[in-house]
């Protein structure tokens, strides 16, 4: 039994959620103030206040002032925020999404026509110096929205495109019907003390999606989401200077922190520090390049996990044409591209306890023939894996497959599977299992891996709840 791993479990049980106190007496919203009630808003939870709120927004645009929703329930169809303004929700104010499909028209900037995310309650494009804040709530009322299950036909709560200096803080986001909040092409984005409650009512309820943006900080957030919780994506513009710190995360049906579901551009200087993951059905930390992205300069420190299937999933692949698809449906496949790269990842003080085996449980670092993961270091880390197996199998390459962390299946290692990788360094890394397992803690194939102070401690006892 490893005392250090058990101590980590105790620490996890004592941790509290990030502070969700209402704005901690922040400064009042900047003046001039625009009250939608002055334009006819009722806030009675029944009448549609869309026209009145939009009039207040349009009057506030460019003034550096604030639209303030006072306590009440404001039913609204899609709203368009403007540049140079603050959208403030007082404590007790709830912006409620309309329940009809017609309330959410398709609305996309010309440069983002390929996005599957086409509708939302709040929309903004080229809205520099925009703030959404306050201790109030934005509620999509997903159970009441009568729309189909297709992604482009379901509304998010917030979508902001092609803007600079965007701040979202203190607000609670509930019950989306699609990805909760989407930020695309943002330079200078801060998400601070944002609470996300996206329960498993329908699929694709990401907690937050940050795409092709730079100078981003996600901090002090509480995210509970049906799908990926903190999801970083990139096309050709890429991602740079991203900080994810002091957050608490629960992913009911997918991954906690994920880079690379869409990964077509460069990714550089990603810092993930001091986060807690309570649960993830699949991956805890996922770093992926499958669409040609060059990923480098990634640092992860002080990451605590419990009840996660695959604590670490690092995947370099090439989501080009599937040979089976080529044979059966000529011309019906993804565009071909050169594989990308993952080169330069440091993971320190990652401690995972009480791993679950709902999906195949091994951690993995894998490239493909002709595209190798390079220079990944795990230092001072510990893992409690589910175990309970007597043998595993070498997984197929699946270089064109969707990059889900369970793709490697039940590998020949209970702890870490490494393939097509060079410069993998493990220092003071400990693996144990919760059920007896005859497999070794590590299995490597076509890789160069060095270990120093690493070991399997065998059977461990999960900390009591």
Protein backbone atom coordinates (compact mmCIF):
# COMPACT_ATOMS: atom_id res chain seq x y z
CA UNK A 1 0.00 0.00 0.00
CA UNK A 2 1.37 3.41 -0.91
CA UNK A 3 0.90 6.06 1.78
CA UNK A 4 1.45 8.88 -0.66
CA UNK A 5 -1.42 7.79 -2.89
CA UNK A 6 -3.70 7.38 0.12
CA UNK A 7 -2.75 10.83 1.35
CA UNK A 8 -3.74 12.25 -2.03
CA UNK A 9 -7.14 10.61 -1.62
CA UNK A 10 -7.61 12.24 1.76
CA UNK A 11 -6.60 15.61 0.36
CA UNK A 12 -9.15 15.24 -2.44
CA UNK A 13 -11.91 14.46 0.01
CA UNK A 14 -11.17 17.61 1.98
CA UNK A 15 -10.95 20.01 -0.95
CA UNK A 16 -13.80 22.46 -1.41
CA UNK A 17 -15.19 23.81 -4.63
CA UNK A 18 -13.71 27.04 -5.95
CA UNK A 19 -15.34 30.00 -4.32
CA UNK A 20 -18.68 30.72 -5.95
CA UNK A 21 -19.55 33.69 -3.77
CA UNK A 22 -21.51 36.34 -5.63
CA UNK A 23 -18.84 38.62 -7.05
CA UNK A 24 -17.26 39.30 -3.64
CA UNK A 25 -18.62 42.83 -3.61
CA UNK A 26 -17.06 43.70 -6.93
CA UNK A 27 -17.38 47.24 -8.19
CA UNK A 28 -20.79 48.22 -9.41
CA UNK A 29 -21.38 47.82 -13.15
CA UNK A 30 -19.90 50.73 -15.06
CA UNK A 31 -22.13 53.68 -15.88
CA UNK A 32 -24.18 54.77 -17.73
CA UNK A 33 -26.73 52.14 -16.76
CA UNK A 34 -29.46 50.89 -19.10
CA UNK A 35 -32.41 49.10 -17.50
CA UNK A 36 -34.46 46.92 -19.89
CA UNK A 37 -37.50 47.70 -17.72
CA UNK A 38 -37.30 51.22 -19.07
CA UNK A 39 -37.86 49.75 -22.54
CA UNK A 40 -40.80 47.58 -21.46
CA UNK A 41 -39.20 44.42 -19.98
CA UNK A 42 -41.40 42.74 -17.35
CA UNK A 43 -39.15 40.04 -15.91
CA UNK A 44 -42.20 37.98 -14.95
CA UNK A 45 -40.99 34.64 -16.30
CA UNK A 46 -43.85 34.49 -18.80
CA UNK A 47 -43.71 37.47 -21.18
CA UNK A 48 -41.00 37.56 -23.83
CA UNK A 49 -38.65 40.46 -23.04
CA UNK A 50 -36.47 40.05 -26.14
CA UNK A 51 -37.34 43.36 -27.80
CA UNK A 52 -36.91 45.41 -24.63
CA UNK A 53 -33.56 43.84 -23.69
CA UNK A 54 -32.23 44.24 -27.24
CA UNK A 55 -33.22 47.91 -27.25
CA UNK A 56 -31.28 48.43 -24.02
CA UNK A 57 -28.27 46.61 -25.52
CA UNK A 58 -28.34 48.73 -28.68
CA UNK A 59 -28.59 51.92 -26.63
CA UNK A 60 -25.65 50.83 -24.45
CA UNK A 61 -23.37 49.79 -27.33
CA UNK A 62 -20.09 51.68 -27.38
CA UNK A 63 -20.84 53.74 -24.25
CA UNK A 64 -18.66 51.60 -21.92
CA UNK A 65 -21.77 51.41 -19.75
CA UNK A 66 -23.94 48.49 -18.65
CA UNK A 67 -27.23 46.81 -19.37
CA UNK A 68 -28.43 45.69 -15.94
CA UNK A 69 -30.98 42.95 -15.39
CA UNK A 70 -32.51 43.46 -11.96
CA UNK A 71 -34.02 40.55 -9.98
CA UNK A 72 -36.64 38.75 -12.03
CA UNK A 73 -37.01 36.11 -14.73
CA UNK A 74 -36.54 37.48 -18.22
CA UNK A 75 -37.71 35.19 -21.02
CA UNK A 76 -35.91 35.91 -24.26
CA UNK A 77 -35.17 34.68 -27.74
CA UNK A 78 -31.72 35.26 -29.26
CA UNK A 79 -29.95 38.48 -28.21
CA UNK A 80 -26.99 40.16 -29.91
CA UNK A 81 -24.47 41.88 -27.64
CA UNK A 82 -22.39 44.82 -28.90
CA UNK A 83 -18.90 46.16 -28.41
CA UNK A 84 -17.88 48.44 -25.57
CA UNK A 85 -20.52 47.34 -23.06
CA UNK A 86 -21.22 45.23 -19.98
CA UNK A 87 -24.15 42.84 -19.71
CA UNK A 88 -24.77 42.57 -15.96
CA UNK A 89 -27.13 40.23 -14.13
CA UNK A 90 -27.93 41.19 -10.54
CA UNK A 91 -28.34 38.51 -7.90
CA UNK A 92 -31.82 37.06 -8.43
CA UNK A 93 -31.85 37.96 -12.13
CA UNK A 94 -32.30 35.02 -14.51
CA UNK A 95 -32.17 35.29 -18.29
CA UNK A 96 -34.32 32.39 -19.49
CA UNK A 97 -34.09 31.04 -23.02
CA UNK A 98 -37.25 30.80 -25.05
CA UNK A 99 -38.67 27.32 -25.60
CA UNK A 100 -39.45 27.50 -29.33
CA UNK A 101 -37.16 26.61 -32.22
CA UNK A 102 -37.98 29.91 -33.92
CA UNK A 103 -36.37 31.73 -30.96
CA UNK A 104 -32.90 30.65 -32.16
CA UNK A 105 -32.23 31.54 -35.79
CA UNK A 106 -29.03 30.42 -37.50
CA UNK A 107 -26.50 33.18 -36.96
CA UNK A 108 -22.83 32.84 -37.98
CA UNK A 109 -20.13 35.25 -39.13
CA UNK A 110 -19.07 34.73 -42.76
CA UNK A 111 -15.66 33.39 -41.70
CA UNK A 112 -17.21 30.76 -39.42
CA UNK A 113 -19.73 29.18 -41.78
CA UNK A 114 -18.29 25.69 -41.24
CA UNK A 115 -19.08 25.64 -37.52
CA UNK A 116 -21.61 23.01 -36.39
CA UNK A 117 -22.58 25.42 -33.63
CA UNK A 118 -25.06 27.76 -35.31
CA UNK A 119 -27.54 29.01 -32.69
CA UNK A 120 -27.47 30.52 -29.23
CA UNK A 121 -29.33 32.62 -26.70
CA UNK A 122 -26.53 35.22 -26.59
CA UNK A 123 -24.51 36.03 -29.72
CA UNK A 124 -21.76 38.54 -30.46
CA UNK A 125 -19.35 39.12 -33.34
CA UNK A 126 -16.60 41.74 -33.50
CA UNK A 127 -17.66 42.95 -30.08
CA UNK A 128 -14.44 44.26 -28.57
CA UNK A 129 -14.31 45.18 -24.87
CA UNK A 130 -17.36 43.12 -23.98
CA UNK A 131 -18.14 41.90 -20.46
CA UNK A 132 -20.81 39.49 -19.24
CA UNK A 133 -20.93 39.45 -15.45
CA UNK A 134 -22.90 39.37 -12.25
CA UNK A 135 -24.14 36.87 -9.72
CA UNK A 136 -27.27 36.16 -11.76
CA UNK A 137 -27.99 33.22 -14.05
CA UNK A 138 -28.44 32.39 -17.72
CA UNK A 139 -30.74 29.37 -18.06
CA UNK A 140 -31.32 27.65 -21.40
CA UNK A 141 -34.14 25.51 -19.97
CA UNK A 142 -33.03 22.60 -22.16
CA UNK A 143 -35.78 20.28 -20.95
CA UNK A 144 -38.40 22.62 -22.41
CA UNK A 145 -36.75 23.46 -25.74
CA UNK A 146 -38.50 21.46 -28.47
CA UNK A 147 -35.67 20.96 -30.97
CA UNK A 148 -34.16 17.93 -32.65
CA UNK A 149 -31.02 16.12 -31.58
CA UNK A 150 -28.85 17.41 -34.43
CA UNK A 151 -26.00 19.70 -33.35
CA UNK A 152 -26.69 22.60 -35.76
CA UNK A 153 -30.32 22.74 -34.67
CA UNK A 154 -29.74 23.14 -30.93
CA UNK A 155 -28.81 26.42 -29.17
CA UNK A 156 -25.86 27.17 -26.93
CA UNK A 157 -26.14 29.79 -24.20
CA UNK A 158 -23.27 32.05 -25.31
CA UNK A 159 -21.34 32.34 -28.61
CA UNK A 160 -18.80 35.12 -29.13
CA UNK A 161 -16.72 35.42 -32.31
CA UNK A 162 -13.78 37.49 -33.58
CA UNK A 163 -13.43 39.91 -30.66
CA UNK A 164 -10.76 41.32 -28.35
CA UNK A 165 -10.86 41.82 -24.58
CA UNK A 166 -13.81 39.65 -23.61
CA UNK A 167 -14.57 38.95 -19.93
CA UNK A 168 -17.17 36.54 -18.51
CA UNK A 169 -17.22 36.37 -14.72
CA UNK A 170 -19.30 35.37 -11.70
CA UNK A 171 -22.29 34.28 -13.75
CA UNK A 172 -23.98 30.86 -13.57
CA UNK A 173 -24.80 29.10 -16.86
CA UNK A 174 -27.45 26.38 -16.70
CA UNK A 175 -29.21 23.87 -18.91
CA UNK A 176 -27.87 24.47 -22.42
CA UNK A 177 -29.15 22.47 -25.37
CA UNK A 178 -25.77 22.45 -27.15
CA UNK A 179 -22.18 23.42 -26.16
CA UNK A 180 -22.71 25.73 -23.18
CA UNK A 181 -20.41 28.60 -24.24
CA UNK A 182 -18.24 29.06 -27.33
CA UNK A 183 -15.45 31.59 -27.89
CA UNK A 184 -13.99 31.64 -31.37
CA UNK A 185 -11.21 33.92 -32.62
CA UNK A 186 -10.84 35.84 -29.35
CA UNK A 187 -7.72 37.79 -28.41
CA UNK A 188 -7.74 38.43 -24.68
CA UNK A 189 -10.39 36.22 -23.03
CA UNK A 190 -10.98 35.83 -19.28
CA UNK A 191 -13.44 33.33 -17.80
CA UNK A 192 -13.39 33.83 -14.02
CA UNK A 193 -15.65 32.29 -11.35
CA UNK A 194 -18.07 30.99 -13.99
CA UNK A 195 -20.33 28.15 -12.86
CA UNK A 196 -21.51 25.70 -15.52
CA UNK A 197 -24.36 23.29 -14.82
CA UNK A 198 -24.92 21.25 -18.00
CA UNK A 199 -26.54 18.01 -16.81
CA UNK A 200 -26.75 14.86 -18.97
CA UNK A 201 -30.12 15.66 -20.52
CA UNK A 202 -29.01 15.47 -24.17
CA UNK A 203 -25.65 14.98 -25.96
CA UNK A 204 -22.93 17.51 -26.81
CA UNK A 205 -23.23 19.63 -23.67
CA UNK A 206 -19.61 20.80 -23.42
CA UNK A 207 -18.83 23.07 -20.49
CA UNK A 208 -16.81 25.54 -22.56
CA UNK A 209 -15.27 25.52 -26.03
CA UNK A 210 -12.35 27.83 -26.77
CA UNK A 211 -11.37 27.85 -30.43
CA UNK A 212 -8.58 29.61 -32.37
CA UNK A 213 -7.92 32.12 -29.61
CA UNK A 214 -4.92 33.67 -27.90
CA UNK A 215 -4.16 35.15 -24.46
CA UNK A 216 -6.86 33.19 -22.66
CA UNK A 217 -7.32 32.64 -18.92
CA UNK A 218 -9.85 30.16 -17.49
CA UNK A 219 -9.73 30.32 -13.69
CA UNK A 220 -11.77 29.64 -10.56
CA UNK A 221 -14.56 28.00 -12.53
CA UNK A 222 -16.85 25.16 -11.47
CA UNK A 223 -17.79 23.05 -14.48
CA UNK A 224 -20.23 20.14 -14.47
CA UNK A 225 -20.97 19.04 -18.02
CA UNK A 226 -22.48 16.13 -19.90
CA UNK A 227 -19.71 16.20 -22.54
CA UNK A 228 -16.15 17.58 -22.48
CA UNK A 229 -15.80 20.11 -19.67
CA UNK A 230 -12.95 22.41 -20.75
CA UNK A 231 -12.47 21.86 -24.47
CA UNK A 232 -9.75 23.57 -26.53
CA UNK A 233 -10.04 23.39 -30.32
CA UNK A 234 -8.17 24.88 -33.23
CA UNK A 235 -8.30 25.26 -36.98
CA UNK A 236 -5.59 26.94 -39.03
CA UNK A 237 -5.23 30.04 -36.78
CA UNK A 238 -4.44 27.88 -33.75
CA UNK A 239 -4.25 28.46 -30.00
CA UNK A 240 -1.55 30.28 -28.02
CA UNK A 241 -0.96 31.53 -24.50
CA UNK A 242 -3.73 29.59 -22.78
CA UNK A 243 -3.91 29.31 -18.97
CA UNK A 244 -6.31 26.95 -17.19
CA UNK A 245 -6.01 27.32 -13.41
CA UNK A 246 -7.83 26.72 -10.13
CA UNK A 247 -10.90 25.04 -11.65
CA UNK A 248 -13.04 22.15 -10.45
CA UNK A 249 -14.46 19.77 -13.03
CA UNK A 250 -16.98 16.93 -13.41
CA UNK A 251 -17.62 15.36 -16.82
CA UNK A 252 -20.59 13.03 -16.68
CA UNK A 253 -20.07 11.40 -20.08
CA UNK A 254 -16.74 12.40 -21.61
CA UNK A 255 -13.46 14.15 -20.75
CA UNK A 256 -12.46 16.76 -18.18
CA UNK A 257 -9.68 18.81 -19.83
CA UNK A 258 -9.29 18.17 -23.54
CA UNK A 259 -7.12 19.69 -26.26
CA UNK A 260 -7.64 18.56 -29.79
CA UNK A 261 -11.09 17.25 -30.72
CA UNK A 262 -10.54 19.60 -33.65
CA UNK A 263 -6.80 20.16 -34.08
CA UNK A 264 -5.81 21.69 -37.39
CA UNK A 265 -3.53 24.56 -36.39
CA UNK A 266 -0.57 25.33 -34.13
CA UNK A 267 -0.88 25.10 -30.35
CA UNK A 268 1.76 26.72 -28.18
CA UNK A 269 2.23 27.76 -24.56
CA UNK A 270 -0.60 25.96 -22.81
CA UNK A 271 -0.38 26.04 -18.99
CA UNK A 272 -2.72 23.91 -16.87
CA UNK A 273 -2.16 24.34 -13.14
CA UNK A 274 -3.83 23.59 -9.80
CA UNK A 275 -7.06 21.99 -11.05
CA UNK A 276 -9.28 19.31 -9.47
CA UNK A 277 -11.25 16.70 -11.41
CA UNK A 278 -13.94 14.87 -9.45
CA UNK A 279 -15.08 12.52 -12.21
CA UNK A 280 -14.67 11.84 -15.93
CA UNK A 281 -16.17 8.90 -17.79
CA UNK A 282 -13.20 8.87 -20.17
CA UNK A 283 -10.08 11.05 -20.01
CA UNK A 284 -8.90 13.35 -17.25
CA UNK A 285 -6.16 15.11 -19.25
CA UNK A 286 -6.31 14.70 -23.05
CA UNK A 287 -3.68 16.22 -25.35
CA UNK A 288 -4.36 15.42 -28.99
CA UNK A 289 -3.25 16.28 -32.50
CA UNK A 290 -5.25 14.39 -35.11
CA UNK A 291 -5.93 16.99 -37.83
CA UNK A 292 -2.42 18.31 -38.49
CA UNK A 293 -1.82 20.54 -35.46
CA UNK A 294 1.71 21.20 -34.21
CA UNK A 295 1.41 21.03 -30.40
CA UNK A 296 4.32 22.23 -28.28
CA UNK A 297 5.18 23.91 -24.99
CA UNK A 298 2.48 22.33 -22.80
CA UNK A 299 2.92 22.43 -19.02
CA UNK A 300 0.63 20.69 -16.54
CA UNK A 301 1.17 21.02 -12.78
CA UNK A 302 -0.76 20.15 -9.63
CA UNK A 303 -3.62 18.26 -11.20
CA UNK A 304 -5.72 16.16 -8.82
CA UNK A 305 -8.14 13.54 -10.15
CA UNK A 306 -10.55 11.02 -8.73
CA UNK A 307 -12.88 8.55 -10.45
CA UNK A 308 -11.36 9.02 -13.91
CA UNK A 309 -10.99 6.17 -16.42
CA UNK A 310 -7.87 7.34 -18.31
CA UNK A 311 -5.99 9.97 -16.29
CA UNK A 312 -3.57 10.75 -19.16
CA UNK A 313 -4.30 10.41 -22.88
CA UNK A 314 -1.74 11.82 -25.32
CA UNK A 315 -2.60 11.03 -28.92
CA UNK A 316 -0.92 11.93 -32.23
CA UNK A 317 -2.78 10.59 -35.26
CA UNK A 318 -3.96 11.56 -38.73
CA UNK A 319 -7.71 11.76 -39.17
CA UNK A 320 -7.49 11.44 -42.93
CA UNK A 321 -9.43 9.02 -45.11
CA UNK A 322 -10.37 5.70 -43.55
CA UNK A 323 -9.40 2.98 -46.06
CA UNK A 324 -12.73 1.21 -45.45
CA UNK A 325 -14.61 4.42 -46.22
CA UNK A 326 -12.55 4.95 -49.36
CA UNK A 327 -13.45 1.49 -50.57
CA UNK A 328 -17.17 1.71 -49.78
CA UNK A 329 -17.90 5.40 -50.49
CA UNK A 330 -15.37 6.95 -52.86
CA UNK A 331 -15.21 10.71 -52.41
CA UNK A 332 -17.05 10.59 -49.07
CA UNK A 333 -14.25 11.15 -46.60
CA UNK A 334 -12.31 13.82 -44.77
CA UNK A 335 -9.79 15.88 -46.69
CA UNK A 336 -6.28 14.49 -46.56
CA UNK A 337 -3.55 16.38 -44.71
CA UNK A 338 -0.11 15.82 -43.30
CA UNK A 339 0.03 14.53 -39.73
CA UNK A 340 0.84 17.09 -37.08
CA UNK A 341 3.15 16.79 -34.08
CA UNK A 342 3.28 16.69 -30.29
CA UNK A 343 6.68 17.79 -29.06
CA UNK A 344 7.30 19.18 -25.60
CA UNK A 345 4.88 18.25 -22.79
CA UNK A 346 5.72 18.47 -19.09
CA UNK A 347 3.37 16.93 -16.50
CA UNK A 348 4.27 17.38 -12.83
CA UNK A 349 2.43 16.49 -9.62
CA UNK A 350 -0.49 14.76 -11.27
CA UNK A 351 -2.18 12.50 -8.72
CA UNK A 352 -5.09 10.27 -9.71
CA UNK A 353 -7.02 8.17 -7.19
CA UNK A 354 -9.98 5.78 -7.32
CA UNK A 355 -9.76 5.10 -11.05
CA UNK A 356 -12.86 3.45 -12.51
CA UNK A 357 -13.13 0.81 -15.22
CA UNK A 358 -16.36 1.77 -16.96
CA UNK A 359 -14.18 2.13 -20.07
CA UNK A 360 -10.80 0.55 -20.88
CA UNK A 361 -8.61 2.03 -18.15
CA UNK A 362 -4.98 2.34 -19.29
CA UNK A 363 -3.20 5.69 -19.63
CA UNK A 364 -1.52 6.06 -23.02
CA UNK A 365 1.01 8.06 -25.04
CA UNK A 366 0.70 7.05 -28.68
CA UNK A 367 1.72 8.21 -32.12
CA UNK A 368 1.31 6.40 -35.42
CA UNK A 369 3.82 5.02 -37.93
CA UNK A 370 5.50 8.05 -39.49
CA UNK A 371 4.31 10.51 -36.82
CA UNK A 372 5.88 10.09 -33.39
CA UNK A 373 5.11 11.78 -30.09
CA UNK A 374 8.28 13.43 -28.81
CA UNK A 375 9.65 14.79 -25.55
CA UNK A 376 6.99 14.10 -22.94
CA UNK A 377 8.00 14.15 -19.25
CA UNK A 378 5.94 12.87 -16.30
CA UNK A 379 7.51 13.85 -12.99
CA UNK A 380 6.39 13.20 -9.40
CA UNK A 381 3.06 11.65 -10.38
CA UNK A 382 0.95 8.85 -8.88
CA UNK A 383 -1.89 6.80 -10.30
CA UNK A 384 -4.46 4.45 -8.81
CA UNK A 385 -5.72 2.40 -11.77
CA UNK A 386 -8.71 0.02 -11.70
CA UNK A 387 -6.78 -3.14 -12.58
CA UNK A 388 -8.69 -6.41 -12.43
CA UNK A 389 -7.36 -7.88 -15.71
CA UNK A 390 -5.18 -10.88 -16.47
CA UNK A 391 -4.09 -9.96 -19.97
CA UNK A 392 -4.37 -7.29 -22.62
CA UNK A 393 -3.86 -6.94 -26.35
CA UNK A 394 -1.84 -4.68 -28.63
CA UNK A 395 -4.47 -2.24 -29.90
CA UNK A 396 -4.91 -1.50 -33.61
CA UNK A 397 -3.43 1.78 -34.84
CA UNK A 398 -6.76 3.43 -35.76
CA UNK A 399 -4.94 6.53 -36.95
CA UNK A 400 -8.09 7.88 -38.61
CA UNK A 401 -10.37 7.20 -35.64
CA UNK A 402 -12.07 9.72 -33.40
CA UNK A 403 -9.60 10.59 -30.60
CA UNK A 404 -11.50 9.25 -27.61
CA UNK A 405 -9.28 8.23 -24.72
CA UNK A 406 -10.68 4.69 -24.69
CA UNK A 407 -9.43 4.07 -28.25
CA UNK A 408 -6.44 2.04 -27.05
CA UNK A 409 -8.72 -0.47 -25.34
CA UNK A 410 -7.47 -3.03 -22.83
CA UNK A 411 -3.71 -2.77 -23.36
CA UNK A 412 -0.88 -5.06 -22.20
CA UNK A 413 -0.18 -2.60 -19.34
CA UNK A 414 -2.45 -1.83 -16.42
CA UNK A 415 -0.91 1.63 -16.05
CA UNK A 416 0.71 3.17 -19.13
CA UNK A 417 0.88 2.12 -22.79
CA UNK A 418 3.46 3.88 -24.98
CA UNK A 419 3.81 3.43 -28.76
CA UNK A 420 5.56 5.32 -31.57
CA UNK A 421 7.11 7.82 -29.18
CA UNK A 422 10.61 9.16 -28.44
CA UNK A 423 12.07 11.07 -25.54
CA UNK A 424 9.49 9.88 -23.01
CA UNK A 425 10.86 10.52 -19.51
CA UNK A 426 9.25 9.19 -16.34
CA UNK A 427 10.68 10.44 -13.04
CA UNK A 428 9.31 9.32 -9.68
CA UNK A 429 6.10 8.00 -11.17
CA UNK A 430 4.10 5.44 -9.18
CA UNK A 431 1.31 3.15 -10.37
CA UNK A 432 -0.94 0.91 -8.31
CA UNK A 433 -4.16 -1.00 -8.93
CA UNK A 434 -7.39 -1.32 -6.97
CA UNK A 435 -8.03 -4.92 -8.10
CA UNK A 436 -5.36 -7.56 -8.62
CA UNK A 437 -3.86 -7.39 -12.11
CA UNK A 438 -1.16 -9.58 -13.66
CA UNK A 439 -0.10 -7.09 -16.35
CA UNK A 440 3.01 -4.92 -15.92
CA UNK A 441 2.58 -1.26 -15.04
CA UNK A 442 4.12 -0.14 -18.37
CA UNK A 443 4.26 -1.57 -21.87
CA UNK A 444 6.20 0.10 -24.68
CA UNK A 445 6.28 -0.53 -28.41
CA UNK A 446 8.55 1.19 -30.95
CA UNK A 447 9.44 3.83 -28.35
CA UNK A 448 12.32 5.23 -26.35
CA UNK A 449 11.35 5.58 -22.71
CA UNK A 450 13.54 6.28 -19.67
CA UNK A 451 12.40 5.67 -16.10
CA UNK A 452 13.98 6.92 -12.91
CA UNK A 453 12.50 6.19 -9.49
CA UNK A 454 9.38 4.66 -11.02
CA UNK A 455 7.61 1.58 -9.71
CA UNK A 456 4.46 -0.44 -9.42
CA UNK A 457 3.23 -0.69 -5.85
CA UNK A 458 0.71 -3.39 -6.69
CA UNK A 459 -2.58 -3.59 -4.85
CA UNK A 460 -3.73 -0.45 -3.05
CA UNK A 461 -6.81 0.26 -1.00
CA UNK A 462 -9.11 3.01 -2.20
CA UNK A 463 -9.68 5.77 0.37
CA UNK A 464 -12.98 5.58 2.18
CA UNK A 465 -15.60 8.13 1.17
